[in-house]
Amino acid sequence: MNETIDEIKVDKDVKSYEKKRIVLDIDRCIGCRSCESACFYSHTGQQNLSHAEASQIAAFPYNCRQCEEPVCLDACPRDAIERREDGVIVRNKFLCIGCLSCAYACPFGAINENLVRRVVSKCDLCISELEENGVPNCVATCTSGALQFVTMDEVIEMKKWGARIIAKPGMHRI
């Protein structure tokens, strides 16, 4: 279910942040959950870790891989999953009817049901923050440096130095 470096395609004709992934160096993570809190806050304006807990599998949340060929996009009957002009895959909150077709289609389990609002939620790289500050909120708030927003070339370099990382969106185990 996890991709290798060779399986990750990188388009050379996109903006620099579009070719990046959020990577987690699991040896540096202190479990403070500030990244989860920042994610929830950036999407709701509320401080609440229970949202992040509900979407966790194993020891870390599975986030959208921003796939080259997203099956979730094709599965949505309302076209609520869109690839923006810059390549980032987002959910249109006004079109989503909460049917879960995209969640069932996602082979990585990265799309979750929001039980309160009866729609789906997925990582959008905190797109407004990304455009403004160049990094998603979870990376900006990581106090230990465990989360980084890097290119795949940087991921390869990190692996050469022995970092045990998982790339997300996508949580690519390398």
Protein backbone atom coordinates (compact mmCIF):
# COMPACT_ATOMS: atom_id res chain seq x y z
CA MET A 1 0.00 0.00 0.00
CA ASN A 2 2.95 2.36 0.49
CA GLU A 3 4.82 3.73 -2.51
CA THR A 4 8.55 3.61 -3.02
CA ILE A 5 10.60 6.53 -4.33
CA ASP A 6 10.63 4.93 -7.78
CA GLU A 7 6.82 4.84 -7.83
CA ILE A 8 6.38 8.53 -7.00
CA LYS A 9 6.11 10.65 -10.12
CA VAL A 10 7.34 14.24 -9.98
CA ASP A 11 6.17 16.68 -12.65
CA LYS A 12 8.96 19.11 -13.52
CA ASP A 13 6.57 21.75 -14.95
CA VAL A 14 4.81 22.82 -11.76
CA LYS A 15 5.44 25.38 -9.03
CA SER A 16 8.01 24.40 -6.43
CA TYR A 17 5.52 23.63 -3.65
CA GLU A 18 3.53 21.37 -5.95
CA LYS A 19 6.44 18.95 -6.21
CA LYS A 20 6.86 18.74 -2.46
CA ARG A 21 5.63 16.28 0.12
CA ILE A 22 5.17 16.55 3.85
CA VAL A 23 7.60 14.10 5.40
CA LEU A 24 7.65 12.81 8.93
CA ASP A 25 10.95 11.78 10.49
CA ILE A 26 9.55 9.36 13.02
CA ASP A 27 12.70 9.44 15.11
CA ARG A 28 12.27 13.18 15.74
CA CYS A 29 8.54 13.14 16.51
CA ILE A 30 7.86 13.78 20.21
CA GLY A 31 4.14 13.03 20.02
CA CYS A 32 3.04 16.53 21.00
CA ARG A 33 0.22 16.49 18.42
CA SER A 34 0.65 20.19 17.61
CA CYS A 35 0.52 19.24 13.92
CA GLU A 36 -2.89 17.62 14.38
CA SER A 37 -4.19 20.59 16.32
CA ALA A 38 -2.91 23.01 13.68
CA CYS A 39 -4.59 21.01 10.93
CA PHE A 40 -7.94 20.97 12.67
CA TYR A 41 -7.71 24.65 13.60
CA SER A 42 -6.82 25.74 10.07
CA HIS A 43 -9.94 24.03 8.73
CA THR A 44 -12.45 24.79 11.48
CA GLY A 45 -11.14 27.66 13.56
CA GLN A 46 -11.48 25.43 16.66
CA GLN A 47 -8.95 23.67 18.89
CA ASN A 48 -10.04 20.03 19.02
CA LEU A 49 -7.85 16.92 18.84
CA SER A 50 -10.76 14.47 18.75
CA HIS A 51 -11.06 15.09 14.99
CA ALA A 52 -7.48 13.98 14.43
CA GLU A 53 -7.94 10.94 16.67
CA ALA A 54 -10.90 9.77 14.61
CA SER A 55 -8.86 9.82 11.42
CA GLN A 56 -5.82 8.00 12.79
CA ILE A 57 -4.63 4.62 11.66
CA ALA A 58 -1.62 3.18 13.47
CA ALA A 59 0.56 5.84 15.09
CA PHE A 60 -0.01 8.62 12.58
CA PRO A 61 -2.82 10.03 10.45
CA TYR A 62 -3.06 8.89 6.85
CA ASN A 63 -3.29 11.98 4.68
CA CYS A 64 -4.08 12.54 1.03
CA ARG A 65 -1.24 11.48 -1.26
CA GLN A 66 -2.13 14.10 -3.88
CA CYS A 67 -2.00 11.26 -6.44
CA GLU A 68 -0.98 11.82 -10.05
CA GLU A 69 -4.09 9.91 -11.14
CA PRO A 70 -6.57 10.30 -8.26
CA VAL A 71 -9.28 7.64 -8.32
CA CYS A 72 -11.26 9.65 -5.77
CA LEU A 73 -11.73 12.39 -8.33
CA ASP A 74 -13.29 9.99 -10.83
CA ALA A 75 -15.40 8.27 -8.16
CA CYS A 76 -17.20 11.42 -7.00
CA PRO A 77 -20.65 11.65 -8.62
CA ARG A 78 -20.89 15.40 -7.88
CA ASP A 79 -17.39 16.43 -9.04
CA ALA A 80 -16.70 17.67 -5.52
CA ILE A 81 -13.09 16.43 -5.65
CA GLU A 82 -11.09 18.72 -7.90
CA ARG A 83 -7.50 19.12 -9.03
CA ARG A 84 -6.68 22.80 -8.87
CA GLU A 85 -4.72 24.48 -11.62
CA ASP A 86 -1.63 24.23 -9.41
CA GLY A 87 -2.06 20.45 -9.07
CA VAL A 88 -3.33 20.28 -5.47
CA ILE A 89 -6.36 18.01 -5.02
CA VAL A 90 -9.10 19.56 -2.90
CA ARG A 91 -12.69 18.90 -1.88
CA ASN A 92 -15.29 21.48 -2.87
CA LYS A 93 -17.29 21.79 0.34
CA PHE A 94 -20.30 23.19 -1.50
CA LEU A 95 -20.62 20.21 -3.84
CA CYS A 96 -19.83 17.34 -1.45
CA ILE A 97 -22.92 15.36 -0.48
CA GLY A 98 -21.13 12.95 1.85
CA CYS A 99 -21.84 9.82 -0.20
CA LEU A 100 -18.34 8.47 0.59
CA SER A 101 -17.72 7.28 -2.99
CA CYS A 102 -14.34 9.02 -2.95
CA ALA A 103 -13.45 7.47 0.42
CA TYR A 104 -14.30 3.98 -0.78
CA ALA A 105 -12.29 4.55 -3.98
CA CYS A 106 -9.16 5.84 -2.22
CA PRO A 107 -6.73 2.91 -2.01
CA PHE A 108 -4.84 4.58 0.86
CA GLY A 109 -7.69 5.24 3.29
CA ALA A 110 -6.81 8.93 3.23
CA ILE A 111 -10.32 10.34 2.93
CA ASN A 112 -12.41 10.37 6.10
CA GLU A 113 -16.04 10.95 6.88
CA ASN A 114 -16.89 14.01 8.96
CA LEU A 115 -19.67 12.53 11.06
CA VAL A 116 -20.89 15.91 12.31
CA ARG A 117 -21.22 17.66 8.96
CA ARG A 118 -21.92 14.47 6.92
CA VAL A 119 -19.26 15.24 4.32
CA VAL A 120 -15.75 13.92 3.69
CA SER A 121 -12.51 15.51 4.77
CA LYS A 122 -9.07 15.16 3.23
CA CYS A 123 -5.69 16.86 3.45
CA ASP A 124 -5.54 19.89 1.16
CA LEU A 125 -2.02 20.90 2.24
CA CYS A 126 -3.63 23.86 4.07
CA ILE A 127 -3.75 25.44 0.65
CA SER A 128 -4.40 29.01 1.82
CA GLU A 129 -1.44 28.84 4.21
CA LEU A 130 0.67 27.19 1.54
CA GLU A 131 0.01 30.03 -0.88
CA GLU A 132 0.69 32.64 1.80
CA ASN A 133 3.59 31.14 3.79
CA GLY A 134 4.97 28.38 1.58
CA VAL A 135 4.35 25.56 4.10
CA PRO A 136 1.28 23.75 5.44
CA ASN A 137 0.21 24.54 9.02
CA CYS A 138 1.20 21.15 10.40
CA VAL A 139 4.79 21.70 9.24
CA ALA A 140 4.88 25.30 10.49
CA THR A 141 3.82 24.27 14.00
CA CYS A 142 6.04 21.20 14.39
CA THR A 143 8.33 22.11 17.28
CA SER A 144 10.72 19.16 16.92
CA GLY A 145 11.35 19.48 13.19
CA ALA A 146 9.87 16.02 12.63
CA LEU A 147 7.61 17.36 9.87
CA GLN A 148 9.21 18.98 6.87
CA PHE A 149 7.90 20.11 3.49
CA VAL A 150 10.48 18.91 0.98
CA THR A 151 11.01 17.88 -2.62
CA MET A 152 11.47 14.25 -3.52
CA ASP A 153 15.16 14.98 -4.21
CA GLU A 154 15.45 16.15 -0.60
CA VAL A 155 13.66 12.98 0.56
CA ILE A 156 16.23 10.88 -1.30
CA GLU A 157 19.05 12.88 0.29
CA MET A 158 17.53 12.45 3.75
CA LYS A 159 17.37 8.71 3.21
CA LYS A 160 21.05 8.65 2.26
CA TRP A 161 21.79 10.06 5.70
CA GLY A 162 19.65 7.44 7.38
CA ALA A 163 16.50 9.32 8.32
CA ARG A 164 13.54 7.02 8.94
CA ILE A 165 10.88 9.05 7.21
CA ILE A 166 7.35 8.67 6.08
CA ALA A 167 6.27 11.10 3.39
CA LYS A 168 2.81 12.58 3.64
CA PRO A 169 0.47 13.67 2.10
CA GLY A 170 0.62 10.21 1.30
CA MET A 171 2.69 8.85 4.10
CA HIS A 172 5.16 7.32 1.65
CA ARG A 173 7.32 4.87 3.57
CA ILE A 174 10.73 5.04 1.97
